[in-house]
Amino acid sequence: MVVFADEANDLGQLEDCARMMYMHYAWHNVPTWLIGPQYCGGPIPQRRANVLQVWPQHGPLESLRPEEFNPRIEALATQHCK
């Protein structure tokens, strides 16, 4: 599950969103990431966003471009749809 937290500009705000969404992602029991708004200039594919994995394990805050994050989702979809 990917949750876009457009108002979450830092780790504290992403953690707040994670607490509010906990019931939903725990109930669905699927890998879940929160993604904050894009920052930095440049072309959209090069813009970074803060990404926080919150389920099944809590991960570190990462600053990723779409090309760095998308393969994770694609791998999950491939494994799920066997």
N, C-alpha and C. Protein backbone atom coordinates (compact mmCIF):
# COMPACT_ATOMS: atom_id res chain seq x y z
N MET A 1 0.86 -1.15 0.00
CA MET A 1 0.00 0.00 0.00
C MET A 1 0.91 1.22 0.00
N VAL A 2 0.57 2.18 -0.79
CA VAL A 2 1.31 3.44 -0.83
C VAL A 2 0.35 4.54 -0.41
N VAL A 3 0.75 5.31 0.59
CA VAL A 3 -0.07 6.42 1.09
C VAL A 3 0.68 7.71 0.78
N PHE A 4 0.06 8.58 0.03
CA PHE A 4 0.66 9.87 -0.28
C PHE A 4 0.26 10.87 0.79
N ALA A 5 1.25 11.30 1.55
CA ALA A 5 1.04 12.24 2.66
C ALA A 5 1.52 13.61 2.19
N ASP A 6 0.69 14.28 1.43
CA ASP A 6 1.09 15.53 0.78
C ASP A 6 1.45 16.66 1.73
N GLU A 7 0.98 16.59 2.96
CA GLU A 7 1.27 17.65 3.94
C GLU A 7 2.43 17.29 4.86
N ALA A 8 3.00 16.12 4.72
CA ALA A 8 4.05 15.64 5.63
C ALA A 8 5.42 16.01 5.07
N ASN A 9 5.98 17.09 5.59
CA ASN A 9 7.24 17.60 5.07
C ASN A 9 8.48 17.11 5.80
N ASP A 10 8.30 16.38 6.89
CA ASP A 10 9.47 15.89 7.63
C ASP A 10 9.12 14.58 8.33
N LEU A 11 10.11 14.00 9.00
CA LEU A 11 9.92 12.70 9.64
C LEU A 11 8.80 12.74 10.68
N GLY A 12 8.75 13.78 11.49
CA GLY A 12 7.71 13.89 12.52
C GLY A 12 6.31 13.87 11.92
N GLN A 13 6.13 14.57 10.83
CA GLN A 13 4.81 14.61 10.18
C GLN A 13 4.47 13.28 9.52
N LEU A 14 5.47 12.60 8.97
CA LEU A 14 5.22 11.27 8.42
C LEU A 14 4.86 10.29 9.53
N GLU A 15 5.53 10.40 10.67
CA GLU A 15 5.20 9.53 11.82
C GLU A 15 3.78 9.80 12.31
N ASP A 16 3.36 11.07 12.32
CA ASP A 16 1.99 11.40 12.71
C ASP A 16 1.00 10.73 11.76
N CYS A 17 1.28 10.80 10.47
CA CYS A 17 0.42 10.17 9.48
C CYS A 17 0.39 8.65 9.69
N ALA A 18 1.55 8.07 9.99
CA ALA A 18 1.63 6.62 10.23
C ALA A 18 0.74 6.22 11.40
N ARG A 19 0.75 7.02 12.46
CA ARG A 19 -0.11 6.71 13.62
C ARG A 19 -1.59 6.79 13.25
N MET A 20 -1.95 7.80 12.46
CA MET A 20 -3.36 7.95 12.07
C MET A 20 -3.82 6.83 11.14
N MET A 21 -2.92 6.32 10.31
CA MET A 21 -3.26 5.30 9.33
C MET A 21 -3.07 3.88 9.85
N TYR A 22 -2.52 3.71 11.03
CA TYR A 22 -2.13 2.39 11.54
C TYR A 22 -3.25 1.35 11.41
N MET A 23 -4.45 1.70 11.82
CA MET A 23 -5.57 0.76 11.79
C MET A 23 -5.78 0.20 10.38
N HIS A 24 -5.62 1.05 9.38
CA HIS A 24 -5.88 0.65 8.00
C HIS A 24 -4.80 -0.30 7.47
N TYR A 25 -3.54 0.10 7.63
CA TYR A 25 -2.52 -0.77 7.04
C TYR A 25 -2.28 -2.03 7.85
N ALA A 26 -2.52 -2.00 9.14
CA ALA A 26 -2.40 -3.22 9.95
C ALA A 26 -3.52 -4.20 9.59
N TRP A 27 -4.72 -3.69 9.36
CA TRP A 27 -5.86 -4.54 9.02
C TRP A 27 -5.65 -5.22 7.66
N HIS A 28 -5.15 -4.45 6.68
CA HIS A 28 -4.91 -5.01 5.35
C HIS A 28 -3.69 -5.92 5.34
N ASN A 29 -2.77 -5.70 6.26
CA ASN A 29 -1.57 -6.53 6.42
C ASN A 29 -0.79 -6.68 5.11
N VAL A 30 -0.52 -5.54 4.47
CA VAL A 30 0.30 -5.52 3.26
C VAL A 30 1.45 -4.53 3.48
N PRO A 31 2.57 -4.73 2.80
CA PRO A 31 3.66 -3.77 2.94
C PRO A 31 3.17 -2.36 2.63
N THR A 32 3.55 -1.41 3.47
CA THR A 32 3.03 -0.06 3.37
C THR A 32 4.14 0.97 3.49
N TRP A 33 4.09 1.95 2.59
CA TRP A 33 5.01 3.08 2.62
C TRP A 33 4.21 4.37 2.63
N LEU A 34 4.74 5.36 3.32
CA LEU A 34 4.20 6.72 3.27
C LEU A 34 5.16 7.55 2.43
N ILE A 35 4.62 8.36 1.55
CA ILE A 35 5.44 9.20 0.68
C ILE A 35 5.02 10.65 0.87
N GLY A 36 5.98 11.48 1.23
CA GLY A 36 5.73 12.91 1.39
C GLY A 36 5.76 13.61 0.04
N PRO A 37 5.57 14.94 0.06
CA PRO A 37 5.57 15.69 -1.20
C PRO A 37 6.97 15.73 -1.82
N GLN A 38 7.00 15.92 -3.12
CA GLN A 38 8.28 16.05 -3.81
C GLN A 38 8.95 17.35 -3.39
N TYR A 39 10.27 17.32 -3.37
CA TYR A 39 11.02 18.54 -3.11
C TYR A 39 12.20 18.60 -4.06
N CYS A 40 12.88 19.67 -4.10
CA CYS A 40 13.98 19.95 -5.04
C CYS A 40 13.38 20.32 -6.39
N GLY A 41 14.14 21.02 -7.15
CA GLY A 41 13.69 21.42 -8.48
C GLY A 41 14.06 20.38 -9.51
N GLY A 42 13.90 20.78 -10.74
CA GLY A 42 14.27 19.90 -11.83
C GLY A 42 13.09 19.13 -12.38
N PRO A 43 13.38 18.28 -13.35
CA PRO A 43 12.31 17.48 -13.97
C PRO A 43 11.68 16.54 -12.94
N ILE A 44 10.42 16.27 -13.11
CA ILE A 44 9.68 15.44 -12.15
C ILE A 44 10.37 14.10 -11.89
N PRO A 45 10.89 13.39 -12.88
CA PRO A 45 11.53 12.10 -12.58
C PRO A 45 12.76 12.23 -11.67
N GLN A 46 13.33 13.42 -11.57
CA GLN A 46 14.52 13.62 -10.75
C GLN A 46 14.21 14.16 -9.36
N ARG A 47 12.97 14.56 -9.13
CA ARG A 47 12.60 15.13 -7.83
C ARG A 47 12.52 14.03 -6.77
N ARG A 48 12.99 14.36 -5.61
CA ARG A 48 12.99 13.41 -4.49
C ARG A 48 11.78 13.64 -3.60
N ALA A 49 11.45 12.61 -2.84
CA ALA A 49 10.41 12.70 -1.81
C ALA A 49 10.87 11.86 -0.63
N ASN A 50 10.44 12.25 0.56
CA ASN A 50 10.72 11.44 1.74
C ASN A 50 9.81 10.22 1.71
N VAL A 51 10.39 9.06 1.94
CA VAL A 51 9.66 7.79 1.90
C VAL A 51 9.93 7.05 3.20
N LEU A 52 8.86 6.57 3.84
CA LEU A 52 8.97 5.87 5.11
C LEU A 52 8.18 4.57 5.05
N GLN A 53 8.87 3.44 5.18
CA GLN A 53 8.16 2.16 5.26
C GLN A 53 7.63 2.01 6.68
N VAL A 54 6.34 1.67 6.81
CA VAL A 54 5.72 1.57 8.14
C VAL A 54 5.16 0.18 8.45
N TRP A 55 5.05 -0.71 7.44
CA TRP A 55 4.51 -2.04 7.69
C TRP A 55 5.08 -3.02 6.67
N PRO A 56 5.42 -4.21 6.98
CA PRO A 56 5.30 -4.90 8.25
C PRO A 56 6.38 -4.49 9.25
N GLN A 57 7.47 -3.91 8.75
CA GLN A 57 8.49 -3.40 9.64
C GLN A 57 8.64 -1.91 9.40
N HIS A 58 9.00 -1.21 10.45
CA HIS A 58 9.24 0.22 10.35
C HIS A 58 10.65 0.41 9.83
N GLY A 59 10.80 1.17 8.76
CA GLY A 59 12.11 1.39 8.18
C GLY A 59 12.60 2.81 8.43
N PRO A 60 13.81 3.10 7.98
CA PRO A 60 14.36 4.44 8.14
C PRO A 60 13.75 5.39 7.11
N LEU A 61 13.82 6.67 7.39
CA LEU A 61 13.39 7.68 6.43
C LEU A 61 14.39 7.68 5.27
N GLU A 62 13.86 7.63 4.06
CA GLU A 62 14.70 7.64 2.87
C GLU A 62 14.27 8.78 1.96
N SER A 63 15.22 9.35 1.27
CA SER A 63 14.95 10.38 0.26
C SER A 63 15.16 9.73 -1.10
N LEU A 64 14.05 9.47 -1.82
CA LEU A 64 14.13 8.68 -3.05
C LEU A 64 13.50 9.40 -4.23
N ARG A 65 14.06 9.12 -5.41
CA ARG A 65 13.43 9.54 -6.67
C ARG A 65 12.50 8.42 -7.11
N PRO A 66 11.52 8.72 -7.98
CA PRO A 66 10.61 7.66 -8.44
C PRO A 66 11.34 6.44 -8.98
N GLU A 67 12.42 6.65 -9.72
CA GLU A 67 13.15 5.51 -10.31
C GLU A 67 13.80 4.63 -9.25
N GLU A 68 13.99 5.16 -8.05
CA GLU A 68 14.57 4.37 -6.96
C GLU A 68 13.49 3.62 -6.18
N PHE A 69 12.30 4.18 -6.11
CA PHE A 69 11.22 3.57 -5.33
C PHE A 69 10.37 2.60 -6.15
N ASN A 70 10.09 2.94 -7.39
CA ASN A 70 9.19 2.13 -8.21
C ASN A 70 9.58 0.66 -8.32
N PRO A 71 10.87 0.31 -8.43
CA PRO A 71 11.21 -1.11 -8.51
C PRO A 71 10.76 -1.92 -7.29
N ARG A 72 10.69 -1.30 -6.14
CA ARG A 72 10.20 -2.01 -4.94
C ARG A 72 8.75 -2.42 -5.12
N ILE A 73 7.95 -1.49 -5.62
CA ILE A 73 6.52 -1.77 -5.83
C ILE A 73 6.34 -2.80 -6.94
N GLU A 74 7.12 -2.66 -8.00
CA GLU A 74 7.04 -3.62 -9.10
C GLU A 74 7.40 -5.03 -8.64
N ALA A 75 8.40 -5.15 -7.80
CA ALA A 75 8.80 -6.47 -7.28
C ALA A 75 7.68 -7.08 -6.44
N LEU A 76 7.03 -6.26 -5.61
CA LEU A 76 5.92 -6.76 -4.80
C LEU A 76 4.76 -7.21 -5.68
N ALA A 77 4.45 -6.42 -6.71
CA ALA A 77 3.35 -6.78 -7.60
C ALA A 77 3.66 -8.08 -8.33
N THR A 78 4.90 -8.26 -8.75
CA THR A 78 5.29 -9.48 -9.44
C THR A 78 5.15 -10.69 -8.52
N GLN A 79 5.58 -10.56 -7.29
CA GLN A 79 5.49 -11.67 -6.33
C GLN A 79 4.04 -11.98 -5.99
N HIS A 80 3.22 -10.94 -5.88
CA HIS A 80 1.83 -11.10 -5.47
C HIS A 80 1.00 -11.76 -6.56
N CYS A 81 1.29 -11.43 -7.79
CA CYS A 81 0.44 -11.87 -8.91
C CYS A 81 0.95 -13.14 -9.58
N LYS A 82 1.53 -14.04 -8.82
CA LYS A 82 2.01 -15.31 -9.39
C LYS A 82 0.88 -16.28 -9.55
